[in-house]
Amino acid sequence: QAPYDEGVFLPETYKIPKGITENLLIQMLLNHAEISNKKTSEKIFGDYNPKKWHQYIIIASVIQKEAANDNEMPIVASVIYNRLKKGMKLQMDGTLNYGIYSHVKVT
């Protein structure tokens, strides 16, 4: 199991204070991401629910892994949401990055 969930750290250019400890660096990155995620969620949805936001990040990651190009992304998204609505398994290669065996060698 990875120590941090998908999408927790944002890919950006950061100014890191010289001599910062690992723990303070991680806390700084987590705080930055939380503020950014909250701001983005409130702009898009009008509120911020960390659990729902994390689900959106996972779905977006699966879409990105499954779609061959930007034009396919809405199609892949509709397949995912239709399957979720019906209670079906997603059965997509991109979902193998999540779950109990996502960071374990199984063969």
C-alpha atoms as a PDB file:
ATOM      1  CA  GLN A   1       0.000   0.000   0.000  1.00  0.00           C
ATOM      2  CA  ALA A   2       1.348   3.401  -0.961  1.00  0.00           C
ATOM      3  CA  PRO A   3       1.644   5.811   1.972  1.00  0.00           C
ATOM      4  CA  TYR A   4      -0.307   8.531   0.137  1.00  0.00           C
ATOM      5  CA  ASP A   5      -3.340   8.330  -2.117  1.00  0.00           C
ATOM      6  CA  GLU A   6      -3.427   9.092  -5.830  1.00  0.00           C
ATOM      7  CA  GLY A   7      -3.486  12.789  -6.592  1.00  0.00           C
ATOM      8  CA  VAL A   8      -2.425  13.944  -3.141  1.00  0.00           C
ATOM      9  CA  PHE A   9       0.718  15.710  -4.328  1.00  0.00           C
ATOM     10  CA  LEU A  10       0.354  18.237  -7.128  1.00  0.00           C
ATOM     11  CA  PRO A  11       2.947  18.439  -9.894  1.00  0.00           C
ATOM     12  CA  GLU A  12       4.174  22.010  -9.660  1.00  0.00           C
ATOM     13  CA  THR A  13       7.352  23.972  -9.156  1.00  0.00           C
ATOM     14  CA  TYR A  14       7.839  24.516  -5.438  1.00  0.00           C
ATOM     15  CA  LYS A  15      10.187  26.805  -3.542  1.00  0.00           C
ATOM     16  CA  ILE A  16      11.560  24.535  -0.845  1.00  0.00           C
ATOM     17  CA  PRO A  17      13.312  26.145   2.119  1.00  0.00           C
ATOM     18  CA  LYS A  18      16.905  25.017   2.508  1.00  0.00           C
ATOM     19  CA  GLY A  19      17.355  22.582   5.382  1.00  0.00           C
ATOM     20  CA  ILE A  20      13.663  21.617   5.622  1.00  0.00           C
ATOM     21  CA  THR A  21      13.016  18.234   7.211  1.00  0.00           C
ATOM     22  CA  GLU A  22      11.260  15.464   5.295  1.00  0.00           C
ATOM     23  CA  ASN A  23       8.233  15.651   7.582  1.00  0.00           C
ATOM     24  CA  LEU A  24       7.889  19.412   7.161  1.00  0.00           C
ATOM     25  CA  LEU A  25       8.293  19.080   3.387  1.00  0.00           C
ATOM     26  CA  ILE A  26       5.536  16.479   3.198  1.00  0.00           C
ATOM     27  CA  GLN A  27       3.298  18.628   5.406  1.00  0.00           C
ATOM     28  CA  MET A  28       3.991  21.651   3.196  1.00  0.00           C
ATOM     29  CA  LEU A  29       3.091  19.680   0.045  1.00  0.00           C
ATOM     30  CA  LEU A  30      -0.054  18.243   1.652  1.00  0.00           C
ATOM     31  CA  ASN A  31      -1.205  21.681   2.836  1.00  0.00           C
ATOM     32  CA  HIS A  32      -0.615  23.184  -0.605  1.00  0.00           C
ATOM     33  CA  ALA A  33      -2.570  20.389  -2.280  1.00  0.00           C
ATOM     34  CA  GLU A  34      -5.448  20.636   0.206  1.00  0.00           C
ATOM     35  CA  ILE A  35      -5.809  24.387  -0.358  1.00  0.00           C
ATOM     36  CA  SER A  36      -5.608  23.970  -4.135  1.00  0.00           C
ATOM     37  CA  ASN A  37      -8.061  21.044  -4.222  1.00  0.00           C
ATOM     38  CA  LYS A  38     -10.543  22.872  -2.005  1.00  0.00           C
ATOM     39  CA  LYS A  39     -10.365  25.999  -4.157  1.00  0.00           C
ATOM     40  CA  THR A  40     -10.815  24.019  -7.395  1.00  0.00           C
ATOM     41  CA  SER A  41     -13.667  21.918  -5.996  1.00  0.00           C
ATOM     42  CA  GLU A  42     -15.512  24.964  -4.688  1.00  0.00           C
ATOM     43  CA  LYS A  43     -15.125  26.642  -8.081  1.00  0.00           C
ATOM     44  CA  ILE A  44     -16.461  23.599  -9.972  1.00  0.00           C
ATOM     45  CA  PHE A  45     -19.006  22.114  -7.535  1.00  0.00           C
ATOM     46  CA  GLY A  46     -19.719  24.924  -5.084  1.00  0.00           C
ATOM     47  CA  ASP A  47     -18.397  22.909  -2.136  1.00  0.00           C
ATOM     48  CA  TYR A  48     -15.540  20.653  -1.085  1.00  0.00           C
ATOM     49  CA  ASN A  49     -15.929  17.086   0.100  1.00  0.00           C
ATOM     50  CA  PRO A  50     -12.464  15.489   0.421  1.00  0.00           C
ATOM     51  CA  LYS A  51     -13.801  11.941  -0.022  1.00  0.00           C
ATOM     52  CA  LYS A  52     -15.773  12.811  -3.162  1.00  0.00           C
ATOM     53  CA  TRP A  53     -12.841  14.833  -4.504  1.00  0.00           C
ATOM     54  CA  HIS A  54     -10.564  11.820  -4.083  1.00  0.00           C
ATOM     55  CA  GLN A  55     -13.076   9.671  -5.998  1.00  0.00           C
ATOM     56  CA  TYR A  56     -13.060  12.202  -8.846  1.00  0.00           C
ATOM     57  CA  ILE A  57      -9.250  12.098  -8.917  1.00  0.00           C
ATOM     58  CA  ILE A  58      -9.265   8.294  -9.167  1.00  0.00           C
ATOM     59  CA  ILE A  59     -11.888   8.300 -11.934  1.00  0.00           C
ATOM     60  CA  ALA A  60      -9.980  10.996 -13.820  1.00  0.00           C
ATOM     61  CA  SER A  61      -6.808   8.909 -13.513  1.00  0.00           C
ATOM     62  CA  VAL A  62      -8.554   5.817 -14.889  1.00  0.00           C
ATOM     63  CA  ILE A  63      -9.987   7.867 -17.761  1.00  0.00           C
ATOM     64  CA  GLN A  64      -6.537   9.232 -18.536  1.00  0.00           C
ATOM     65  CA  LYS A  65      -5.017   5.734 -18.517  1.00  0.00           C
ATOM     66  CA  GLU A  66      -7.788   4.176 -20.648  1.00  0.00           C
ATOM     67  CA  ALA A  67      -8.335   6.849 -23.292  1.00  0.00           C
ATOM     68  CA  ALA A  68      -6.052   6.827 -26.315  1.00  0.00           C
ATOM     69  CA  ASN A  69      -6.571  10.574 -26.814  1.00  0.00           C
ATOM     70  CA  ASP A  70      -8.561  13.558 -25.544  1.00  0.00           C
ATOM     71  CA  ASN A  71     -11.485  12.767 -27.862  1.00  0.00           C
ATOM     72  CA  GLU A  72     -11.975   9.354 -26.223  1.00  0.00           C
ATOM     73  CA  MET A  73     -12.071  10.728 -22.676  1.00  0.00           C
ATOM     74  CA  PRO A  74     -15.811  11.584 -22.624  1.00  0.00           C
ATOM     75  CA  ILE A  75     -16.621   8.120 -24.002  1.00  0.00           C
ATOM     76  CA  VAL A  76     -14.492   6.366 -21.379  1.00  0.00           C
ATOM     77  CA  ALA A  77     -16.013   8.576 -18.665  1.00  0.00           C
ATOM     78  CA  SER A  78     -19.545   7.657 -19.741  1.00  0.00           C
ATOM     79  CA  VAL A  79     -18.656   3.947 -19.677  1.00  0.00           C
ATOM     80  CA  ILE A  80     -17.257   4.309 -16.154  1.00  0.00           C
ATOM     81  CA  TYR A  81     -20.248   6.233 -14.805  1.00  0.00           C
ATOM     82  CA  ASN A  82     -22.745   3.885 -16.498  1.00  0.00           C
ATOM     83  CA  ARG A  83     -21.034   0.853 -14.963  1.00  0.00           C
ATOM     84  CA  LEU A  84     -20.887   2.497 -11.533  1.00  0.00           C
ATOM     85  CA  LYS A  85     -24.567   3.416 -11.769  1.00  0.00           C
ATOM     86  CA  LYS A  86     -25.426  -0.227 -12.538  1.00  0.00           C
ATOM     87  CA  GLY A  87     -23.167  -1.545  -9.773  1.00  0.00           C
ATOM     88  CA  MET A  88     -20.963  -3.299 -12.325  1.00  0.00           C
ATOM     89  CA  LYS A  89     -17.242  -3.906 -12.033  1.00  0.00           C
ATOM     90  CA  LEU A  90     -15.267  -1.442 -14.118  1.00  0.00           C
ATOM     91  CA  GLN A  91     -13.061  -4.176 -15.643  1.00  0.00           C
ATOM     92  CA  MET A  92     -10.588  -1.692 -17.098  1.00  0.00           C
ATOM     93  CA  ASP A  93      -6.814  -2.026 -17.172  1.00  0.00           C
ATOM     94  CA  GLY A  94      -6.440   1.419 -15.624  1.00  0.00           C
ATOM     95  CA  THR A  95      -8.168   0.212 -12.449  1.00  0.00           C
ATOM     96  CA  LEU A  96      -5.341  -2.220 -11.724  1.00  0.00           C
ATOM     97  CA  ASN A  97      -3.451   0.708 -10.195  1.00  0.00           C
ATOM     98  CA  TYR A  98      -5.936   0.752  -7.309  1.00  0.00           C
ATOM     99  CA  GLY A  99      -7.008  -1.808  -4.737  1.00  0.00           C
ATOM    100  CA  ILE A 100      -5.267  -4.246  -2.451  1.00  0.00           C
ATOM    101  CA  TYR A 101      -2.775  -5.537  -5.026  1.00  0.00           C
ATOM    102  CA  SER A 102      -1.967  -2.207  -6.658  1.00  0.00           C
ATOM    103  CA  HIS A 103       1.532  -1.917  -5.196  1.00  0.00           C
ATOM    104  CA  VAL A 104       2.336  -5.598  -4.662  1.00  0.00           C
ATOM    105  CA  LYS A 105       3.996  -8.069  -7.008  1.00  0.00           C
ATOM    106  CA  VAL A 106       1.420 -10.860  -7.407  1.00  0.00           C
ATOM    107  CA  THR A 107       3.128 -13.121  -9.955  1.00  0.00           C
END
